[in-house]
Amino acid sequence: MVLKLVILNGVSGTGKTSTARELHAQHPQFTWLHPDGLWDTPAMAPEDIFVRVVEALHGVDSYAVVDCQIRPSIIAELLAPLSLDSWLCVLHRCPRSIWEARLIDRGWRDFPAEQIAEWASMLMQESVGPEFLTVDTARHTTADVCAGIMQRLAATG
């Protein structure tokens, strides 16, 4: 089997880790890679984190779920070193008031809200094409998001 990759993308507080945790619970055979805690991610550029993730996936030959933040426009280029059967980028989004509240609930106090909002806007603009699925985590439960991901994966083989 060749690696099939699910990239959970979006700004902090939009539900990527909740989705990854639920997908992994439903499908324990999926490899779940969450960069936080593996590397000094606050000090790294998103592209550098994603390259480390790609390198860590060498040898995985089934489904892998990656929870990260990456510019959609450069995903294909960064994935080139992997032998991928397919990949799906799932953009997690929700209204600013919700992700701000979630970050405050985590204990974040001095986060750059305007910068995060700009990043969220760019992610929306670039997440177009058949390899992308956008989910609104304010309107859908984590279970619904996971079901949508599995439906998309089933439809793409």
N, C-alpha and C. Protein backbone atom coordinates (compact mmCIF):
# COMPACT_ATOMS: atom_id res chain seq x y z
N MET A 1 0.85 -1.19 0.00
CA MET A 1 0.00 0.00 0.00
C MET A 1 0.88 1.23 0.00
N VAL A 2 0.41 2.28 -0.63
CA VAL A 2 1.14 3.54 -0.71
C VAL A 2 0.46 4.55 0.23
N LEU A 3 1.26 5.45 0.76
CA LEU A 3 0.76 6.44 1.70
C LEU A 3 -0.37 7.28 1.12
N LYS A 4 -1.43 7.43 1.89
CA LYS A 4 -2.52 8.36 1.61
C LYS A 4 -2.53 9.35 2.76
N LEU A 5 -2.44 10.61 2.43
CA LEU A 5 -2.23 11.64 3.44
C LEU A 5 -3.45 12.53 3.60
N VAL A 6 -3.83 12.76 4.86
CA VAL A 6 -4.88 13.71 5.20
C VAL A 6 -4.21 14.83 5.99
N ILE A 7 -4.24 16.03 5.42
CA ILE A 7 -3.62 17.20 6.05
C ILE A 7 -4.74 18.01 6.68
N LEU A 8 -4.70 18.17 7.99
CA LEU A 8 -5.68 18.99 8.69
C LEU A 8 -5.07 20.37 8.86
N ASN A 9 -5.60 21.33 8.14
CA ASN A 9 -5.02 22.66 8.06
C ASN A 9 -5.99 23.67 8.67
N GLY A 10 -5.47 24.81 9.08
CA GLY A 10 -6.30 25.88 9.63
C GLY A 10 -5.56 26.60 10.73
N VAL A 11 -6.08 27.73 11.12
CA VAL A 11 -5.44 28.49 12.19
C VAL A 11 -5.69 27.81 13.53
N SER A 12 -4.91 28.18 14.50
CA SER A 12 -5.07 27.62 15.85
C SER A 12 -6.48 27.90 16.35
N GLY A 13 -7.06 26.90 17.00
CA GLY A 13 -8.39 27.07 17.59
C GLY A 13 -9.55 26.69 16.69
N THR A 14 -9.25 26.14 15.50
CA THR A 14 -10.35 25.79 14.59
C THR A 14 -10.75 24.32 14.66
N GLY A 15 -10.07 23.52 15.46
CA GLY A 15 -10.49 22.13 15.66
C GLY A 15 -9.67 21.07 14.98
N LYS A 16 -8.49 21.39 14.49
CA LYS A 16 -7.66 20.40 13.79
C LYS A 16 -7.30 19.23 14.69
N THR A 17 -6.83 19.52 15.87
CA THR A 17 -6.40 18.45 16.78
C THR A 17 -7.59 17.61 17.23
N SER A 18 -8.74 18.23 17.45
CA SER A 18 -9.94 17.46 17.82
C SER A 18 -10.31 16.50 16.70
N THR A 19 -10.23 16.97 15.45
CA THR A 19 -10.52 16.10 14.32
C THR A 19 -9.50 14.97 14.23
N ALA A 20 -8.23 15.30 14.37
CA ALA A 20 -7.18 14.27 14.30
C ALA A 20 -7.38 13.22 15.40
N ARG A 21 -7.67 13.67 16.60
CA ARG A 21 -7.88 12.75 17.72
C ARG A 21 -9.05 11.81 17.43
N GLU A 22 -10.16 12.37 16.90
CA GLU A 22 -11.34 11.56 16.60
C GLU A 22 -11.07 10.58 15.44
N LEU A 23 -10.41 11.07 14.39
CA LEU A 23 -10.08 10.17 13.27
C LEU A 23 -9.22 9.02 13.74
N HIS A 24 -8.23 9.33 14.57
CA HIS A 24 -7.33 8.28 15.07
C HIS A 24 -8.08 7.32 15.99
N ALA A 25 -9.02 7.82 16.78
CA ALA A 25 -9.81 6.94 17.64
C ALA A 25 -10.68 6.00 16.81
N GLN A 26 -11.27 6.53 15.73
CA GLN A 26 -12.11 5.72 14.86
C GLN A 26 -11.31 4.76 13.99
N HIS A 27 -10.09 5.16 13.65
CA HIS A 27 -9.24 4.39 12.74
C HIS A 27 -7.83 4.32 13.32
N PRO A 28 -7.61 3.47 14.33
CA PRO A 28 -6.30 3.43 15.00
C PRO A 28 -5.15 3.03 14.07
N GLN A 29 -5.48 2.45 12.91
CA GLN A 29 -4.43 2.09 11.97
C GLN A 29 -3.86 3.32 11.26
N PHE A 30 -4.53 4.46 11.35
CA PHE A 30 -4.02 5.69 10.75
C PHE A 30 -2.84 6.19 11.59
N THR A 31 -1.79 6.59 10.94
CA THR A 31 -0.67 7.24 11.62
C THR A 31 -1.06 8.70 11.83
N TRP A 32 -0.98 9.17 13.08
CA TRP A 32 -1.30 10.56 13.38
C TRP A 32 -0.02 11.26 13.81
N LEU A 33 0.33 12.31 13.09
CA LEU A 33 1.52 13.07 13.41
C LEU A 33 1.11 14.50 13.75
N HIS A 34 1.35 14.89 14.98
CA HIS A 34 1.06 16.25 15.45
C HIS A 34 2.40 16.88 15.80
N PRO A 35 2.82 17.91 15.04
CA PRO A 35 4.16 18.46 15.23
C PRO A 35 4.41 19.12 16.58
N ASP A 36 3.37 19.65 17.23
CA ASP A 36 3.57 20.31 18.52
C ASP A 36 4.13 19.29 19.51
N GLY A 37 5.20 19.66 20.15
CA GLY A 37 5.84 18.77 21.12
C GLY A 37 6.95 17.94 20.51
N LEU A 38 6.90 17.71 19.19
CA LEU A 38 7.98 16.96 18.53
C LEU A 38 9.16 17.87 18.23
N TRP A 39 8.84 19.11 17.85
CA TRP A 39 9.85 20.09 17.49
C TRP A 39 9.51 21.41 18.15
N ASP A 40 10.40 22.33 18.10
CA ASP A 40 10.18 23.66 18.67
C ASP A 40 9.34 24.49 17.68
N THR A 41 8.08 24.09 17.51
CA THR A 41 7.24 24.67 16.47
C THR A 41 7.02 26.18 16.60
N PRO A 42 6.94 26.77 17.80
CA PRO A 42 6.75 28.22 17.83
C PRO A 42 7.90 28.99 17.18
N ALA A 43 9.08 28.40 17.17
CA ALA A 43 10.25 29.08 16.61
C ALA A 43 10.46 28.75 15.13
N MET A 44 9.60 27.92 14.55
CA MET A 44 9.80 27.45 13.18
C MET A 44 8.76 28.05 12.23
N ALA A 45 9.16 28.23 10.98
CA ALA A 45 8.22 28.66 9.94
C ALA A 45 7.32 27.48 9.59
N PRO A 46 6.05 27.74 9.22
CA PRO A 46 5.15 26.64 8.88
C PRO A 46 5.70 25.70 7.81
N GLU A 47 6.42 26.25 6.83
CA GLU A 47 6.99 25.41 5.77
C GLU A 47 8.03 24.45 6.34
N ASP A 48 8.85 24.93 7.28
CA ASP A 48 9.87 24.08 7.89
C ASP A 48 9.23 22.97 8.72
N ILE A 49 8.16 23.29 9.41
CA ILE A 49 7.44 22.27 10.18
C ILE A 49 6.89 21.21 9.24
N PHE A 50 6.29 21.65 8.13
CA PHE A 50 5.70 20.70 7.19
C PHE A 50 6.77 19.81 6.56
N VAL A 51 7.93 20.37 6.25
CA VAL A 51 9.03 19.57 5.70
C VAL A 51 9.43 18.50 6.72
N ARG A 52 9.52 18.86 7.98
CA ARG A 52 9.86 17.87 9.02
C ARG A 52 8.79 16.78 9.09
N VAL A 53 7.54 17.18 8.96
CA VAL A 53 6.44 16.22 8.97
C VAL A 53 6.59 15.25 7.79
N VAL A 54 6.83 15.79 6.61
CA VAL A 54 6.99 14.97 5.41
C VAL A 54 8.14 13.98 5.60
N GLU A 55 9.25 14.47 6.12
CA GLU A 55 10.40 13.59 6.37
C GLU A 55 10.04 12.49 7.36
N ALA A 56 9.26 12.80 8.38
CA ALA A 56 8.88 11.82 9.39
C ALA A 56 7.95 10.75 8.84
N LEU A 57 7.29 11.04 7.72
CA LEU A 57 6.34 10.08 7.14
C LEU A 57 6.99 9.07 6.21
N HIS A 58 8.28 9.21 5.92
CA HIS A 58 8.96 8.22 5.08
C HIS A 58 8.81 6.84 5.73
N GLY A 59 8.40 5.88 4.97
CA GLY A 59 8.22 4.53 5.47
C GLY A 59 6.79 4.21 5.89
N VAL A 60 5.95 5.22 6.07
CA VAL A 60 4.54 4.96 6.38
C VAL A 60 3.86 4.54 5.09
N ASP A 61 3.13 3.43 5.14
CA ASP A 61 2.54 2.92 3.90
C ASP A 61 1.03 2.70 4.03
N SER A 62 0.40 3.58 4.76
CA SER A 62 -1.06 3.52 4.87
C SER A 62 -1.57 4.95 4.99
N TYR A 63 -2.67 5.14 5.66
CA TYR A 63 -3.19 6.49 5.87
C TYR A 63 -2.39 7.20 6.96
N ALA A 64 -2.14 8.47 6.74
CA ALA A 64 -1.51 9.31 7.75
C ALA A 64 -2.33 10.58 7.89
N VAL A 65 -2.49 11.02 9.12
CA VAL A 65 -3.21 12.26 9.43
C VAL A 65 -2.19 13.22 10.03
N VAL A 66 -2.11 14.41 9.43
CA VAL A 66 -1.16 15.42 9.88
C VAL A 66 -1.93 16.66 10.29
N ASP A 67 -1.66 17.14 11.47
CA ASP A 67 -2.30 18.31 12.05
C ASP A 67 -1.29 19.45 11.98
N CYS A 68 -1.52 20.42 11.09
CA CYS A 68 -0.52 21.47 10.94
C CYS A 68 -1.13 22.73 10.32
N GLN A 69 -0.28 23.72 10.09
CA GLN A 69 -0.67 24.95 9.40
C GLN A 69 0.32 25.14 8.26
N ILE A 70 -0.19 25.20 7.05
CA ILE A 70 0.68 25.32 5.89
C ILE A 70 -0.04 26.06 4.77
N ARG A 71 0.69 26.84 4.00
CA ARG A 71 0.10 27.53 2.84
C ARG A 71 -0.35 26.48 1.84
N PRO A 72 -1.61 26.47 1.49
CA PRO A 72 -2.11 25.48 0.53
C PRO A 72 -1.39 25.52 -0.82
N SER A 73 -0.95 26.70 -1.24
CA SER A 73 -0.33 26.84 -2.55
C SER A 73 1.00 26.11 -2.69
N ILE A 74 1.63 25.71 -1.57
CA ILE A 74 2.93 25.04 -1.67
C ILE A 74 2.89 23.58 -1.22
N ILE A 75 1.71 23.07 -0.89
CA ILE A 75 1.61 21.70 -0.39
C ILE A 75 2.15 20.70 -1.42
N ALA A 76 1.69 20.77 -2.66
CA ALA A 76 2.09 19.79 -3.67
C ALA A 76 3.61 19.76 -3.83
N GLU A 77 4.23 20.92 -3.85
CA GLU A 77 5.69 21.00 -3.99
C GLU A 77 6.39 20.33 -2.81
N LEU A 78 5.92 20.59 -1.60
CA LEU A 78 6.55 20.02 -0.42
C LEU A 78 6.30 18.52 -0.28
N LEU A 79 5.23 18.03 -0.89
CA LEU A 79 4.93 16.60 -0.82
C LEU A 79 5.65 15.78 -1.88
N ALA A 80 6.29 16.44 -2.83
CA ALA A 80 6.94 15.74 -3.95
C ALA A 80 7.87 14.61 -3.52
N PRO A 81 8.63 14.73 -2.41
CA PRO A 81 9.54 13.63 -2.04
C PRO A 81 8.83 12.34 -1.60
N LEU A 82 7.55 12.42 -1.27
CA LEU A 82 6.84 11.23 -0.81
C LEU A 82 6.22 10.47 -1.98
N SER A 83 6.10 9.19 -1.82
CA SER A 83 5.38 8.38 -2.79
C SER A 83 3.93 8.32 -2.32
N LEU A 84 3.12 9.27 -2.82
CA LEU A 84 1.75 9.40 -2.35
C LEU A 84 0.78 8.78 -3.34
N ASP A 85 -0.15 8.02 -2.82
CA ASP A 85 -1.25 7.55 -3.63
C ASP A 85 -2.25 8.68 -3.82
N SER A 86 -2.49 9.41 -2.75
CA SER A 86 -3.37 10.57 -2.81
C SER A 86 -3.18 11.40 -1.55
N TRP A 87 -3.65 12.64 -1.62
CA TRP A 87 -3.65 13.49 -0.44
C TRP A 87 -4.89 14.37 -0.46
N LEU A 88 -5.31 14.70 0.74
CA LEU A 88 -6.49 15.55 0.93
C LEU A 88 -6.13 16.58 2.00
N CYS A 89 -6.34 17.84 1.70
CA CYS A 89 -6.12 18.90 2.67
C CYS A 89 -7.49 19.37 3.15
N VAL A 90 -7.72 19.24 4.44
CA VAL A 90 -9.00 19.62 5.04
C VAL A 90 -8.80 20.93 5.79
N LEU A 91 -9.35 22.00 5.22
CA LEU A 91 -9.24 23.31 5.87
C LEU A 91 -10.31 23.43 6.93
N HIS A 92 -9.87 23.61 8.16
CA HIS A 92 -10.76 23.84 9.28
C HIS A 92 -10.94 25.35 9.43
N ARG A 93 -12.19 25.77 9.50
CA ARG A 93 -12.48 27.19 9.67
C ARG A 93 -13.65 27.35 10.63
N CYS A 94 -13.72 28.51 11.23
CA CYS A 94 -14.85 28.90 12.06
C CYS A 94 -14.76 30.41 12.23
N PRO A 95 -15.82 31.06 12.68
CA PRO A 95 -15.76 32.51 12.86
C PRO A 95 -14.65 32.91 13.85
N ARG A 96 -14.12 34.08 13.61
CA ARG A 96 -13.04 34.60 14.45
C ARG A 96 -13.39 34.58 15.93
N SER A 97 -14.61 34.96 16.26
CA SER A 97 -15.00 35.00 17.68
C SER A 97 -14.86 33.63 18.33
N ILE A 98 -15.07 32.57 17.56
CA ILE A 98 -14.98 31.22 18.11
C ILE A 98 -13.52 30.81 18.30
N TRP A 99 -12.67 31.00 17.26
CA TRP A 99 -11.28 30.59 17.48
C TRP A 99 -10.60 31.46 18.53
N GLU A 100 -10.99 32.74 18.61
CA GLU A 100 -10.43 33.58 19.67
C GLU A 100 -10.82 33.05 21.05
N ALA A 101 -12.09 32.69 21.23
CA ALA A 101 -12.55 32.16 22.51
C ALA A 101 -11.84 30.85 22.85
N ARG A 102 -11.65 30.00 21.84
CA ARG A 102 -10.95 28.73 22.08
C ARG A 102 -9.51 28.96 22.50
N LEU A 103 -8.84 29.93 21.89
CA LEU A 103 -7.46 30.23 22.28
C LEU A 103 -7.40 30.79 23.69
N ILE A 104 -8.34 31.66 24.05
CA ILE A 104 -8.39 32.19 25.41
C ILE A 104 -8.64 31.07 26.41
N ASP A 105 -9.54 30.13 26.05
CA ASP A 105 -9.80 28.98 26.92
C ASP A 105 -8.54 28.14 27.14
N ARG A 106 -7.64 28.12 26.16
CA ARG A 106 -6.37 27.39 26.29
C ARG A 106 -5.35 28.14 27.14
N GLY A 107 -5.67 29.36 27.50
CA GLY A 107 -4.74 30.16 28.29
C GLY A 107 -3.91 31.13 27.48
N TRP A 108 -4.18 31.21 26.18
CA TRP A 108 -3.47 32.18 25.34
C TRP A 108 -4.05 33.56 25.64
N ARG A 109 -3.21 34.50 25.93
CA ARG A 109 -3.69 35.84 26.26
C ARG A 109 -3.24 36.88 25.23
N ASP A 110 -1.99 36.86 24.88
CA ASP A 110 -1.43 37.88 23.98
C ASP A 110 -1.13 37.28 22.62
N PHE A 111 -2.15 36.78 21.95
CA PHE A 111 -1.93 36.22 20.61
C PHE A 111 -2.22 37.29 19.56
N PRO A 112 -1.54 37.20 18.41
CA PRO A 112 -1.70 38.23 17.36
C PRO A 112 -2.97 37.99 16.55
N ALA A 113 -4.09 38.43 17.07
CA ALA A 113 -5.39 38.14 16.45
C ALA A 113 -5.49 38.62 15.01
N GLU A 114 -4.99 39.82 14.73
CA GLU A 114 -5.07 40.33 13.35
C GLU A 114 -4.24 39.49 12.39
N GLN A 115 -3.07 39.09 12.84
CA GLN A 115 -2.20 38.25 12.01
C GLN A 115 -2.85 36.88 11.78
N ILE A 116 -3.46 36.32 12.80
CA ILE A 116 -4.14 35.04 12.66
C ILE A 116 -5.32 35.18 11.70
N ALA A 117 -6.06 36.27 11.80
CA ALA A 117 -7.19 36.50 10.90
C ALA A 117 -6.73 36.62 9.45
N GLU A 118 -5.61 37.28 9.22
CA GLU A 118 -5.05 37.38 7.86
C GLU A 118 -4.65 36.01 7.33
N TRP A 119 -4.03 35.20 8.19
CA TRP A 119 -3.63 33.84 7.82
C TRP A 119 -4.88 33.03 7.47
N ALA A 120 -5.93 33.15 8.26
CA ALA A 120 -7.18 32.43 7.99
C ALA A 120 -7.76 32.82 6.64
N SER A 121 -7.72 34.09 6.33
CA SER A 121 -8.23 34.58 5.05
C SER A 121 -7.42 34.00 3.89
N MET A 122 -6.11 34.00 4.00
CA MET A 122 -5.25 33.45 2.96
C MET A 122 -5.51 31.96 2.78
N LEU A 123 -5.68 31.23 3.87
CA LEU A 123 -5.96 29.80 3.78
C LEU A 123 -7.25 29.55 2.99
N MET A 124 -8.26 30.35 3.25
CA MET A 124 -9.53 30.21 2.51
C MET A 124 -9.33 30.48 1.02
N GLN A 125 -8.60 31.50 0.69
CA GLN A 125 -8.39 31.87 -0.71
C GLN A 125 -7.61 30.81 -1.47
N GLU A 126 -6.66 30.16 -0.82
CA GLU A 126 -5.79 29.20 -1.50
C GLU A 126 -6.30 27.76 -1.46
N SER A 127 -7.29 27.47 -0.65
CA SER A 127 -7.76 26.09 -0.49
C SER A 127 -8.84 25.76 -1.51
N VAL A 128 -8.45 25.73 -2.77
CA VAL A 128 -9.39 25.42 -3.84
C VAL A 128 -8.82 24.30 -4.70
N GLY A 129 -9.70 23.47 -5.20
CA GLY A 129 -9.29 22.36 -6.05
C GLY A 129 -9.77 21.04 -5.49
N PRO A 130 -9.61 19.98 -6.25
CA PRO A 130 -10.13 18.67 -5.84
C PRO A 130 -9.43 18.06 -4.63
N GLU A 131 -8.22 18.55 -4.31
CA GLU A 131 -7.50 18.01 -3.16
C GLU A 131 -7.88 18.69 -1.85
N PHE A 132 -8.85 19.61 -1.91
CA PHE A 132 -9.19 20.40 -0.73
C PHE A 132 -10.65 20.19 -0.31
N LEU A 133 -10.85 20.15 0.98
CA LEU A 133 -12.18 20.07 1.58
C LEU A 133 -12.20 21.12 2.68
N THR A 134 -13.21 21.98 2.68
CA THR A 134 -13.33 23.00 3.72
C THR A 134 -14.47 22.63 4.66
N VAL A 135 -14.18 22.67 5.96
CA VAL A 135 -15.19 22.34 6.97
C VAL A 135 -15.32 23.50 7.95
N ASP A 136 -16.55 23.81 8.31
CA ASP A 136 -16.83 24.85 9.30
C ASP A 136 -17.09 24.16 10.63
N THR A 137 -16.13 24.26 11.53
CA THR A 137 -16.22 23.55 12.79
C THR A 137 -17.17 24.22 13.78
N ALA A 138 -17.72 25.36 13.42
CA ALA A 138 -18.76 25.98 14.24
C ALA A 138 -20.13 25.40 13.89
N ARG A 139 -20.26 24.90 12.68
CA ARG A 139 -21.54 24.37 12.21
C ARG A 139 -21.62 22.84 12.24
N HIS A 140 -20.48 22.20 12.33
CA HIS A 140 -20.45 20.73 12.27
C HIS A 140 -19.71 20.18 13.47
N THR A 141 -20.20 19.08 13.98
CA THR A 141 -19.52 18.41 15.08
C THR A 141 -18.24 17.76 14.58
N THR A 142 -17.37 17.42 15.49
CA THR A 142 -16.15 16.71 15.12
C THR A 142 -16.48 15.40 14.43
N ALA A 143 -17.50 14.70 14.91
CA ALA A 143 -17.90 13.44 14.28
C ALA A 143 -18.38 13.67 12.85
N ASP A 144 -19.12 14.75 12.63
CA ASP A 144 -19.56 15.09 11.27
C ASP A 144 -18.38 15.41 10.36
N VAL A 145 -17.42 16.15 10.88
CA VAL A 145 -16.23 16.49 10.09
C VAL A 145 -15.49 15.20 9.70
N CYS A 146 -15.32 14.30 10.66
CA CYS A 146 -14.64 13.03 10.38
C CYS A 146 -15.41 12.21 9.35
N ALA A 147 -16.72 12.19 9.46
CA ALA A 147 -17.53 11.45 8.48
C ALA A 147 -17.36 12.05 7.09
N GLY A 148 -17.31 13.37 6.99
CA GLY A 148 -17.09 14.02 5.70
C GLY A 148 -15.74 13.68 5.11
N ILE A 149 -14.71 13.64 5.96
CA ILE A 149 -13.38 13.27 5.49
C ILE A 149 -13.37 11.84 4.97
N MET A 150 -13.99 10.93 5.72
CA MET A 150 -14.01 9.53 5.30
C MET A 150 -14.80 9.35 4.01
N GLN A 151 -15.88 10.12 3.85
CA GLN A 151 -16.65 10.05 2.60
C GLN A 151 -15.80 10.52 1.43
N ARG A 152 -15.05 11.60 1.61
CA ARG A 152 -14.18 12.10 0.54
C ARG A 152 -13.10 11.09 0.21
N LEU A 153 -12.49 10.48 1.24
CA LEU A 153 -11.46 9.49 1.00
C LEU A 153 -12.02 8.28 0.25
N ALA A 154 -13.22 7.86 0.61
CA ALA A 154 -13.85 6.72 -0.07
C ALA A 154 -14.14 7.06 -1.54
N ALA A 155 -14.52 8.30 -1.78
CA ALA A 155 -14.87 8.71 -3.15
C ALA A 155 -13.63 8.80 -4.04
N THR A 156 -12.46 9.05 -3.43
CA THR A 156 -11.25 9.20 -4.22
C THR A 156 -10.44 7.90 -4.28
N GLY A 157 -10.97 6.86 -3.70
CA GLY A 157 -10.29 5.56 -3.79
C GLY A 157 -9.30 5.39 -2.71
